[in-house]
Structure formats: structure tokens, C-alpha cells
Amino acid sequence: MSKKSVVYFWDPDVGNFHYGVGHPMKPHRLSVTHSLVLHYELYKKMKIYRPYRASLHDMCRFHSEDYIDFLLKVTPNNIQAFNKNLSHFNVGDDCPVFEGLFDFCSMYTGASLEGAARLNSQCCDIAINWSGGLHHAKKFEASGFCYVNDIVIAILELLKFHPRVLYIDIDIHHGDGVQEAFYLTDRVMTVSFHKYGNYFFPGTGDMYEIGAESGRYYSVNVPLKEGIDDNSYFQTFKPVIQAVMEFYQPTCIVLQCGADSLAGDRLGCFALSTKGHGECVKFVKELNVPLLVLGGGGYTVRNVSRCWTYETSLLVEENISSEIPYNEYFEYFAPDFTLHPNINTKQDNANSKQGVILKFVPNAILKYLEFSEGLTNIKSPSLKPTLPLHHLGLYLNILKTICTKNVGSSFVPTAFG
């Protein structure tokens, strides 16, 4: 099989923005990642483009005009004049106003949008934008360090050409903004693997959030608990994605690679290694479907850059040394200076201990997809149900009973009272 054609987007200014002192989101991680990509000479294996910058019109393909106009006009110097708008648009501590805010949004959104356009025109098989993947932003407001939802905008572009787009999210946080945007349509199927429970942000992502109206059965959520390791994660990821692929047969995939699911993340609580995280990326790549690869969360800069550099090497099919080459950020990787540091965590894998995720959750989702396949003729343009819908409702009530018995009330969805 011939190697995939890969394009990679990089704006030299995107890593220079600063959310503010003490804020966990650091665009500087993008500069560190790009430096490693260059020093590993991965640029020789792909085409690198300085991306298009998204316009107001581009952003308003999803977001409201008044919200985008606010992002364009507000600055740290004139913020007092916009006091009444701050809470309305959820701008404040998590999503602060910083110098160059709109330009930052324009850069990362434009790169995702251009990646989608190049996939549509069949100029490449894989498009990479590590600055994108800001999956929490909503139509009318910012959320979770995210202002403009570049993922939704890129998917809308893909839908011009592709009848079915699959969105996969391996960030530790639920991909709520993307799920919400496409909750009512069957044109996009969203699959999110994330930490759920104990008030973990954003608080959504229960496995019973399955979509509504035309989008019913097209949202899949895999709720996980803290401490999940490589083996546990991939044993969950692989069968679910295989079943989704068989069920949905997407013509394009968007993969959000949030690196806050790595061990040692400042805000995370999983125990994945760079190799374990990368195994999911490799698996999706080998599905041989046009692929848009995006970044996302990740709040320990050295680990984010290790992860996304390694995953770039997987996407271009280039073996690289674990020994990090000398570069301007070399001291960040002390004391081991390795791409794959040992995972030292005292955190237990709550998933294995409770016997929930490895056994119950994947099987429940696989059964759910089997039922859904009977209810939906995926090859029909109208995607109309072919069997009585109460069959799936009955099955979901069975799942509720199993969850209540084996897991506890934290897994029982409010939708079922």
C-alpha cells in the first residue's frame, strides 16, 4: 500500500499568543511541537502550508454574528466597554480576553478550514492542524478555553462533499460543543472517549446521550474513570470504533487528539503514554478514510509536544528516535530528553478496579450499535428507521438497570429519571 499524502498547517505566529499569567492553556506548546517536527526532519515527509486565516464570514457559518463581532472588537484595553457582554458570551476566567484574541481564533480556525477544503478537493489523504481541535466552543458563547469551534466549521466544509463525516474525540474532556452542533443530524456521527463523573468538566458525555430527531443514534459517548492506562484505553477504543465504522461507513473522519488524556497532564487524570495515545491515531489512520487530524487540550507543554510530534511521525509513516534532537526548547525535556518518558503514576486505574469500562461499557455500546443498525438503513439517503423505535428504548432501559446494579447512580442518566 502506498504512503498517504499528508499536508501540515503551520502559522509561525500561532504560538505567540498568551491567555494570561497562570492560565493552563498555552499556545506556546504549538511552537515547541513545530520545533520538534522540524528537528526530527518530518517536514521532508509532508507538505507544509501557511494556512488561510478565517474571516468573520467563515466563523459565522456556525457562530452567531453578535458573538463573533464581540470577539473581533474586544481587547484588554477596551474590555470595560464590553462589561455587559462578558457574562453573556461566557468570557472571563476560563476564556479570558487577551491581546490578539480574534487573530488567534482566525489562525487556528483557518487552518482547520483549509485542511477540510484540501481533503474535499482530494489534494491529500491526511491534513494536520495541531493548533485546532477547540471542541468546547458553542454557537453563542465561549467555553472551556475555546472561543471559535474550528471543528464544527471544518466539518461543515467537509459536508459540502462528504455525505457522512465521523468525528472521534480522544481528549480527556467530552467533545460537547461538536456533539451539540450535530446532535440533530445523521450527516455527522460523534464519538467521544472522556472522563465522566464527579463534576468533571464539562459534565456532559453520559453514554445515554445518543442524539435526537434525525440525529438519534448518531452520538456515541464512552464515559471513563480516572487512571485509565494504555491497554485499558485501547481495548475500549478499538472495538467501539470498529463497530462505528461498520455501522456508519463514513466517507471522511475528523480526529481530535487532545493530549490532556496523557499521564501527568496538569488538568488531566488519565495514565496514557505517548505511545498509547498514538496507537489510537495509528488505528484511525489505518482505516484508510480521508482524515483531518486536530489538536485540542493538553496542559503540560513538554508532554503535548512529545505526543503530537510522535503522532505526526505515525501519520507520515516515519520511524523516529526516542532521543529528542537538540533544539531551542531542549531543556524542556530534562532530565531524560526522551520522546517516550516512563509513566510514573500512583493513581489506580479505577476502570479496571470497578470492572466497568473494560467489560460493560464497550459491550453496551456495541449492543447499542447493533440495535441502531436494525433501526436505521445507513445506505439510504433519507436514513429512515426500518424497525420500531421502541426496540432501542427498551434496550436502553435494560442498560439503565444494569448500570444501576453494577455501577451506581453516577452512571444513571437523568433522561431516564
Protein backbone atom coordinates (compact mmCIF):
# COMPACT_ATOMS: atom_id res chain seq x y z
CA MET A 1 0.00 0.00 0.00
CA SER A 2 1.40 3.40 -0.97
CA LYS A 3 2.05 6.01 1.69
CA LYS A 4 -0.63 8.57 2.40
CA SER A 5 -0.28 12.09 1.10
CA VAL A 6 -0.04 14.34 4.17
CA VAL A 7 -0.37 18.12 4.47
CA TYR A 8 0.52 20.01 7.64
CA PHE A 9 -0.53 23.55 8.54
CA TRP A 10 1.65 25.95 10.48
CA ASP A 11 1.37 29.67 11.09
CA PRO A 12 4.57 30.99 12.71
CA ASP A 13 2.54 33.46 14.80
CA VAL A 14 0.08 31.00 16.34
CA GLY A 15 2.33 30.02 19.25
CA ASN A 16 2.95 33.61 20.33
CA PHE A 17 -0.41 34.29 21.98
CA HIS A 18 -0.82 34.24 25.75
CA TYR A 19 -4.04 33.60 27.67
CA GLY A 20 -2.62 35.27 30.77
CA VAL A 21 -0.44 34.58 33.79
CA GLY A 22 -1.29 31.27 35.40
CA HIS A 23 -3.73 30.17 32.71
CA PRO A 24 -3.25 26.48 31.84
CA MET A 25 -3.83 26.91 28.09
CA LYS A 26 -0.52 27.84 26.50
CA PRO A 27 -0.37 28.31 22.72
CA HIS A 28 3.42 28.18 23.14
CA ARG A 29 3.06 24.38 23.11
CA LEU A 30 2.42 24.71 19.37
CA SER A 31 5.82 26.34 18.82
CA VAL A 32 7.54 23.59 20.80
CA THR A 33 5.71 20.91 18.82
CA HIS A 34 6.62 22.51 15.50
CA SER A 35 10.27 22.79 16.53
CA LEU A 36 10.39 19.06 17.24
CA VAL A 37 8.67 18.30 13.92
CA LEU A 38 11.37 20.30 12.15
CA HIS A 39 14.31 18.87 14.08
CA TYR A 40 13.11 15.32 13.52
CA GLU A 41 13.01 16.30 9.81
CA LEU A 42 9.41 15.18 9.47
CA TYR A 43 8.84 18.18 7.19
CA LYS A 44 10.53 16.15 4.45
CA LYS A 45 7.69 13.64 4.51
CA MET A 46 4.77 16.03 4.08
CA LYS A 47 3.77 19.32 2.52
CA ILE A 48 3.76 22.25 4.92
CA TYR A 49 1.47 25.21 4.30
CA ARG A 50 1.00 28.54 5.99
CA PRO A 51 -2.78 28.40 6.38
CA TYR A 52 -5.56 30.68 5.33
CA ARG A 53 -6.89 32.92 8.10
CA ALA A 54 -10.59 32.50 8.74
CA SER A 55 -12.82 35.53 8.20
CA LEU A 56 -15.86 36.70 10.16
CA HIS A 57 -17.99 35.12 7.45
CA ASP A 58 -16.23 31.77 7.93
CA MET A 59 -16.78 31.84 11.68
CA CYS A 60 -20.43 32.81 11.28
CA ARG A 61 -21.07 29.63 9.34
CA PHE A 62 -21.59 28.22 12.84
CA HIS A 63 -21.40 31.02 15.41
CA SER A 64 -23.81 33.92 15.85
CA GLU A 65 -22.84 37.23 14.27
CA ASP A 66 -23.08 39.19 17.53
CA TYR A 67 -20.73 36.75 19.29
CA ILE A 68 -18.10 36.85 16.53
CA ASP A 69 -18.40 40.63 16.30
CA PHE A 70 -17.71 40.78 20.04
CA LEU A 71 -14.57 38.61 19.63
CA LEU A 72 -13.39 40.89 16.84
CA LYS A 73 -13.81 44.13 18.79
CA VAL A 74 -12.98 43.32 22.42
CA THR A 75 -9.40 43.84 23.65
CA PRO A 76 -7.74 44.07 27.08
CA ASN A 77 -7.67 47.85 26.61
CA ASN A 78 -11.38 48.36 25.89
CA ILE A 79 -12.83 45.49 27.92
CA GLN A 80 -14.62 47.89 30.29
CA ALA A 81 -16.85 48.99 27.42
CA PHE A 82 -17.97 45.39 26.94
CA ASN A 83 -18.69 44.51 30.58
CA LYS A 84 -22.33 43.65 29.89
CA ASN A 85 -21.26 41.25 27.11
CA LEU A 86 -18.67 39.27 29.08
CA SER A 87 -21.07 37.08 31.04
CA HIS A 88 -23.47 36.88 28.09
CA PHE A 89 -20.74 35.33 25.93
CA ASN A 90 -19.18 33.38 28.83
CA VAL A 91 -15.91 35.29 28.57
CA GLY A 92 -13.97 35.65 31.81
CA ASP A 93 -11.67 33.44 33.86
CA ASP A 94 -11.58 30.26 31.75
CA CYS A 95 -11.93 32.16 28.48
CA PRO A 96 -10.17 35.48 29.09
CA VAL A 97 -9.82 38.43 26.77
CA PHE A 98 -6.18 38.61 25.69
CA GLU A 99 -4.18 40.58 23.15
CA GLY A 100 -4.78 39.28 19.63
CA LEU A 101 -7.71 37.05 20.60
CA PHE A 102 -9.50 37.32 17.26
CA ASP A 103 -6.28 36.80 15.29
CA PHE A 104 -5.59 33.63 17.29
CA CYS A 105 -9.07 32.31 16.50
CA SER A 106 -8.64 33.25 12.86
CA MET A 107 -5.36 31.33 12.60
CA TYR A 108 -6.41 28.04 14.17
CA THR A 109 -9.84 28.07 12.54
CA GLY A 110 -8.46 28.92 9.12
CA ALA A 111 -6.02 26.02 9.28
CA SER A 112 -8.81 23.52 10.06
CA LEU A 113 -11.00 25.00 7.36
CA GLU A 114 -8.23 24.81 4.76
CA GLY A 115 -7.48 21.24 5.80
CA ALA A 116 -11.11 20.33 5.15
CA ALA A 117 -11.06 22.11 1.79
CA ARG A 118 -7.93 20.25 0.69
CA LEU A 119 -9.49 16.93 1.68
CA ASN A 120 -12.60 17.85 -0.30
CA SER A 121 -10.52 18.59 -3.37
CA GLN A 122 -8.60 15.33 -2.88
CA CYS A 123 -5.29 17.17 -2.68
CA CYS A 124 -4.26 14.96 0.24
CA ASP A 125 -5.27 11.90 2.25
CA ILE A 126 -4.47 13.40 5.67
CA ALA A 127 -4.48 17.02 6.84
CA ILE A 128 -2.89 18.00 10.18
CA ASN A 129 -3.60 21.13 12.24
CA TRP A 130 -2.27 20.82 15.79
CA SER A 131 -3.47 24.36 16.59
CA GLY A 132 -7.10 23.32 16.08
CA GLY A 133 -9.43 20.99 17.93
CA LEU A 134 -11.09 23.52 20.25
CA HIS A 135 -14.15 21.40 20.84
CA HIS A 136 -15.97 23.20 23.68
CA ALA A 137 -16.96 26.45 21.94
CA LYS A 138 -20.72 26.85 21.45
CA LYS A 139 -22.74 28.68 18.83
CA PHE A 140 -23.38 31.69 21.08
CA GLU A 141 -20.53 31.58 23.58
CA ALA A 142 -17.01 30.59 24.56
CA SER A 143 -16.39 27.59 26.80
CA GLY A 144 -13.50 25.64 28.27
CA PHE A 145 -10.64 27.76 26.84
CA CYS A 146 -12.31 27.59 23.40
CA TYR A 147 -13.70 30.61 21.54
CA VAL A 148 -14.38 29.51 17.96
CA ASN A 149 -15.26 25.89 17.26
CA ASP A 150 -12.94 25.21 14.34
CA ILE A 151 -14.01 21.56 14.32
CA VAL A 152 -17.64 22.33 13.59
CA ILE A 153 -16.67 24.83 10.90
CA ALA A 154 -14.32 22.31 9.27
CA ILE A 155 -16.99 19.60 9.36
CA LEU A 156 -19.50 21.95 7.73
CA GLU A 157 -16.96 22.39 4.94
CA LEU A 158 -16.47 18.62 4.64
CA LEU A 159 -20.24 18.14 4.38
CA LYS A 160 -20.20 20.05 1.08
CA PHE A 161 -18.53 17.00 -0.43
CA HIS A 162 -18.94 14.10 2.00
CA PRO A 163 -22.32 12.52 2.78
CA ARG A 164 -21.21 11.15 6.18
CA VAL A 165 -18.50 12.54 8.46
CA LEU A 166 -17.32 10.69 11.57
CA TYR A 167 -15.93 12.76 14.45
CA ILE A 168 -13.71 10.97 17.01
CA ASP A 169 -12.51 12.73 20.18
CA ILE A 170 -9.75 11.35 22.47
CA ASP A 171 -9.36 14.47 24.62
CA ILE A 172 -9.93 13.77 28.33
CA HIS A 173 -12.86 16.21 28.21
CA HIS A 174 -16.11 15.43 26.46
CA GLY A 175 -16.41 16.96 22.99
CA ASP A 176 -19.60 18.74 23.98
CA GLY A 177 -19.50 21.61 21.51
CA VAL A 178 -19.21 19.33 18.50
CA GLN A 179 -21.82 16.90 19.78
CA GLU A 180 -24.26 19.74 20.45
CA ALA A 181 -23.74 21.23 16.99
CA PHE A 182 -24.63 17.99 15.20
CA TYR A 183 -27.00 16.43 17.75
CA LEU A 184 -30.00 16.66 15.43
CA THR A 185 -28.45 15.35 12.20
CA ASP A 186 -27.39 11.98 10.81
CA ARG A 187 -24.84 13.58 8.49
CA VAL A 188 -22.27 13.60 11.31
CA MET A 189 -21.65 10.87 13.86
CA THR A 190 -19.78 11.93 17.00
CA VAL A 191 -17.81 9.50 19.19
CA SER A 192 -16.14 10.78 22.35
CA PHE A 193 -13.93 8.93 24.87
CA HIS A 194 -13.61 11.03 28.02
CA LYS A 195 -13.52 11.30 31.79
CA TYR A 196 -17.04 11.44 33.17
CA GLY A 197 -18.44 11.89 36.66
CA ASN A 198 -17.53 13.72 39.88
CA TYR A 199 -18.37 17.07 38.27
CA PHE A 200 -15.51 16.77 35.78
CA PHE A 201 -15.75 19.45 33.08
CA PRO A 202 -17.96 19.89 31.09
CA GLY A 203 -20.29 17.48 32.92
CA THR A 204 -21.80 16.03 29.74
CA GLY A 205 -21.00 12.84 27.86
CA ASP A 206 -23.20 10.25 29.51
CA MET A 207 -23.45 7.12 27.36
CA TYR A 208 -27.19 7.74 27.04
CA GLU A 209 -26.69 10.97 25.10
CA ILE A 210 -27.43 9.40 21.73
CA GLY A 211 -28.69 12.28 19.58
CA ALA A 212 -32.21 13.45 18.78
CA GLU A 213 -34.60 13.80 15.85
CA SER A 214 -32.72 12.90 12.65
CA GLY A 215 -29.55 12.59 14.71
CA ARG A 216 -30.93 9.99 17.09
CA TYR A 217 -28.42 7.10 17.37
CA TYR A 218 -25.61 9.22 15.87
CA SER A 219 -23.92 10.35 19.11
CA VAL A 220 -21.79 7.79 20.93
CA ASN A 221 -20.21 8.55 24.29
CA VAL A 222 -17.73 6.36 26.16
CA PRO A 223 -17.53 7.60 29.77
CA LEU A 224 -14.27 6.66 31.51
CA LYS A 225 -12.93 6.99 35.02
CA GLU A 226 -9.58 8.25 36.24
CA GLY A 227 -6.32 6.36 35.86
CA ILE A 228 -7.06 4.53 32.62
CA ASP A 229 -3.87 3.13 31.07
CA ASP A 230 -2.81 2.25 27.53
CA ASN A 231 -4.14 -1.31 27.48
CA SER A 232 -7.47 -0.44 29.07
CA TYR A 233 -7.98 2.53 26.77
CA PHE A 234 -7.18 0.76 23.53
CA GLN A 235 -9.25 -2.30 24.49
CA THR A 236 -12.14 0.12 24.76
CA PHE A 237 -11.29 2.32 21.77
CA LYS A 238 -10.69 -0.33 19.11
CA PRO A 239 -13.94 -2.35 19.31
CA VAL A 240 -16.09 0.76 19.60
CA ILE A 241 -14.51 2.41 16.55
CA GLN A 242 -14.67 -0.84 14.57
CA ALA A 243 -18.38 -1.11 15.31
CA VAL A 244 -18.98 2.54 14.48
CA MET A 245 -17.16 2.15 11.16
CA GLU A 246 -19.25 -0.87 10.23
CA PHE A 247 -22.45 0.86 11.29
CA TYR A 248 -21.86 4.32 9.84
CA GLN A 249 -19.45 3.80 6.91
CA PRO A 250 -18.14 7.39 6.95
CA THR A 251 -16.59 8.95 3.88
CA CYS A 252 -14.35 11.22 5.98
CA ILE A 253 -13.07 11.25 9.58
CA VAL A 254 -12.14 14.15 11.86
CA LEU A 255 -9.91 13.09 14.77
CA GLN A 256 -9.45 15.40 17.76
CA CYS A 257 -6.22 14.40 19.54
CA GLY A 258 -6.42 16.27 22.83
CA ALA A 259 -3.23 15.46 24.76
CA ASP A 260 -4.69 16.12 28.20
CA SER A 261 -5.51 12.41 28.30
CA LEU A 262 -1.76 11.75 28.79
CA ALA A 263 -0.34 10.82 32.17
CA GLY A 264 1.00 13.81 34.07
CA ASP A 265 -1.23 16.39 32.45
CA ARG A 266 -1.78 19.49 34.55
CA LEU A 267 -5.58 19.18 34.32
CA GLY A 268 -6.00 15.51 33.42
CA CYS A 269 -6.27 12.29 35.40
CA PHE A 270 -5.66 9.54 32.84
CA ALA A 271 -2.47 7.47 32.58
CA LEU A 272 -1.87 7.20 28.84
CA SER A 273 1.64 7.22 27.40
CA THR A 274 2.55 8.95 24.15
CA LYS A 275 2.67 5.52 22.52
CA GLY A 276 -0.75 4.57 23.89
CA HIS A 277 -2.31 7.83 22.71
CA GLY A 278 -0.57 7.40 19.37
CA GLU A 279 -1.91 3.88 18.97
CA CYS A 280 -5.40 5.34 18.62
CA VAL A 281 -4.19 7.78 15.96
CA LYS A 282 -2.45 4.97 14.08
CA PHE A 283 -5.56 2.81 14.23
CA VAL A 284 -7.75 5.57 12.78
CA LYS A 285 -5.19 6.32 10.07
CA GLU A 286 -5.21 2.67 9.02
CA LEU A 287 -8.96 2.78 8.43
CA ASN A 288 -7.99 4.31 5.07
CA VAL A 289 -10.59 7.07 5.09
CA PRO A 290 -9.73 10.73 4.34
CA LEU A 291 -8.63 12.17 7.67
CA LEU A 292 -8.45 15.60 9.30
CA VAL A 293 -6.24 15.46 12.41
CA LEU A 294 -6.56 18.22 15.01
CA GLY A 295 -5.06 19.08 18.38
CA GLY A 296 -7.13 20.04 21.40
CA GLY A 297 -6.44 20.04 25.13
CA GLY A 298 -3.08 19.41 26.72
CA TYR A 299 -1.66 21.46 29.56
CA THR A 300 1.83 20.08 30.23
CA VAL A 301 3.77 21.62 27.36
CA ARG A 302 6.62 19.11 27.12
CA ASN A 303 4.19 16.17 27.00
CA VAL A 304 1.88 17.77 24.45
CA SER A 305 4.79 18.46 22.10
CA ARG A 306 6.15 14.93 22.53
CA CYS A 307 2.76 13.44 21.78
CA TRP A 308 1.88 15.46 18.70
CA THR A 309 5.38 15.09 17.26
CA TYR A 310 5.20 11.33 17.69
CA GLU A 311 1.75 11.26 16.12
CA THR A 312 2.99 13.33 13.20
CA SER A 313 5.63 10.64 12.64
CA LEU A 314 2.94 7.96 12.68
CA LEU A 315 0.84 9.85 10.16
CA VAL A 316 3.76 10.22 7.73
CA GLU A 317 4.90 6.64 8.47
CA GLU A 318 8.38 7.61 9.60
CA ASN A 319 10.21 5.87 12.45
CA ILE A 320 11.92 8.41 14.68
CA SER A 321 14.37 8.08 17.54
CA SER A 322 13.17 8.26 21.11
CA GLU A 323 16.16 10.51 21.78
CA ILE A 324 14.99 14.09 21.32
CA PRO A 325 17.21 16.06 18.92
CA TYR A 326 18.79 19.25 20.15
CA ASN A 327 16.53 22.25 19.57
CA GLU A 328 15.80 25.66 21.07
CA TYR A 329 13.49 24.09 23.68
CA PHE A 330 15.78 21.18 24.55
CA GLU A 331 15.85 21.99 28.28
CA TYR A 332 12.07 21.46 28.49
CA PHE A 333 12.65 17.73 28.19
CA ALA A 334 15.12 17.31 31.06
CA PRO A 335 16.17 15.11 32.70
CA ASP A 336 15.59 12.20 30.29
CA PHE A 337 15.38 14.07 26.95
CA THR A 338 13.27 11.27 25.51
CA LEU A 339 10.16 11.23 23.36
CA HIS A 340 8.63 8.41 25.40
CA PRO A 341 9.25 9.02 29.12
CA ASN A 342 8.34 6.38 31.65
CA ILE A 343 4.88 6.70 33.15
CA ASN A 344 5.22 7.25 36.88
CA THR A 345 1.79 7.49 38.43
CA LYS A 346 0.50 6.39 41.80
CA GLN A 347 -3.05 6.69 40.57
CA ASP A 348 -5.10 3.50 40.42
CA ASN A 349 -6.94 2.54 37.26
CA ALA A 350 -10.49 2.98 38.51
CA ASN A 351 -11.80 1.45 35.29
CA SER A 352 -10.19 -1.95 35.83
CA LYS A 353 -10.92 -1.99 39.54
CA GLN A 354 -14.63 -1.49 39.07
CA GLY A 355 -14.74 -3.84 36.08
CA VAL A 356 -16.99 -1.35 34.32
CA ILE A 357 -15.23 0.13 31.35
CA LEU A 358 -13.36 -2.89 30.01
CA LYS A 359 -16.37 -5.18 30.19
CA PHE A 360 -19.65 -3.36 30.47
CA VAL A 361 -19.31 -0.08 28.61
CA PRO A 362 -17.82 -1.34 25.31
CA ASN A 363 -20.26 -4.24 25.21
CA ALA A 364 -23.17 -1.94 25.96
CA ILE A 365 -22.17 0.42 23.16
CA LEU A 366 -21.62 -2.44 20.74
CA LYS A 367 -25.07 -3.80 21.54
CA TYR A 368 -26.48 -0.31 21.16
CA LEU A 369 -24.92 -0.03 17.70
CA GLU A 370 -26.34 -3.43 16.74
CA PHE A 371 -29.80 -2.24 17.72
CA SER A 372 -29.27 1.07 15.94
CA GLU A 373 -28.21 -0.69 12.76
CA GLY A 374 -31.50 -2.53 12.76
CA LEU A 375 -33.35 0.74 13.22
CA THR A 376 -31.52 2.70 10.57
CA ASN A 377 -30.81 1.94 6.95
CA ILE A 378 -27.48 3.75 6.69
CA LYS A 379 -27.24 3.27 2.91
CA SER A 380 -30.49 5.09 2.33
CA PRO A 381 -30.10 8.82 1.69
CA SER A 382 -33.03 9.52 3.97
CA LEU A 383 -31.67 7.27 6.76
CA LYS A 384 -35.20 6.48 7.90
CA PRO A 385 -35.85 3.88 10.63
CA THR A 386 -36.82 0.46 9.27
CA LEU A 387 -37.86 -1.15 12.58
CA PRO A 388 -39.97 0.08 15.51
CA LEU A 389 -38.07 2.63 17.58
CA HIS A 390 -39.35 1.22 20.87
CA HIS A 391 -36.87 -1.67 20.50
CA LEU A 392 -33.94 0.65 21.22
CA GLY A 393 -35.81 2.39 24.01
CA LEU A 394 -36.40 -1.00 25.62
CA TYR A 395 -32.73 -1.83 25.33
CA LEU A 396 -31.67 1.49 26.85
CA ASN A 397 -33.91 0.80 29.83
CA ILE A 398 -32.16 -2.54 30.22
CA LEU A 399 -28.84 -0.67 30.22
CA LYS A 400 -30.19 1.61 32.92
CA THR A 401 -30.97 -1.40 35.09
CA ILE A 402 -27.52 -2.90 34.55
CA CYS A 403 -25.82 0.42 35.29
CA THR A 404 -27.79 0.91 38.48
CA LYS A 405 -26.99 -2.60 39.67
CA ASN A 406 -23.30 -2.77 38.77
CA VAL A 407 -22.01 0.77 38.78
CA GLY A 408 -24.10 3.02 40.95
CA SER A 409 -26.24 6.05 40.48
CA SER A 410 -23.47 8.16 38.90
CA PHE A 411 -23.93 6.28 35.64
CA VAL A 412 -27.72 6.56 35.55
CA PRO A 413 -28.78 9.25 33.07
CA THR A 414 -31.18 11.95 34.15
CA ALA A 415 -33.11 11.39 30.92
CA PHE A 416 -34.42 8.18 32.43
CA GLY A 417 -35.31 9.71 35.77
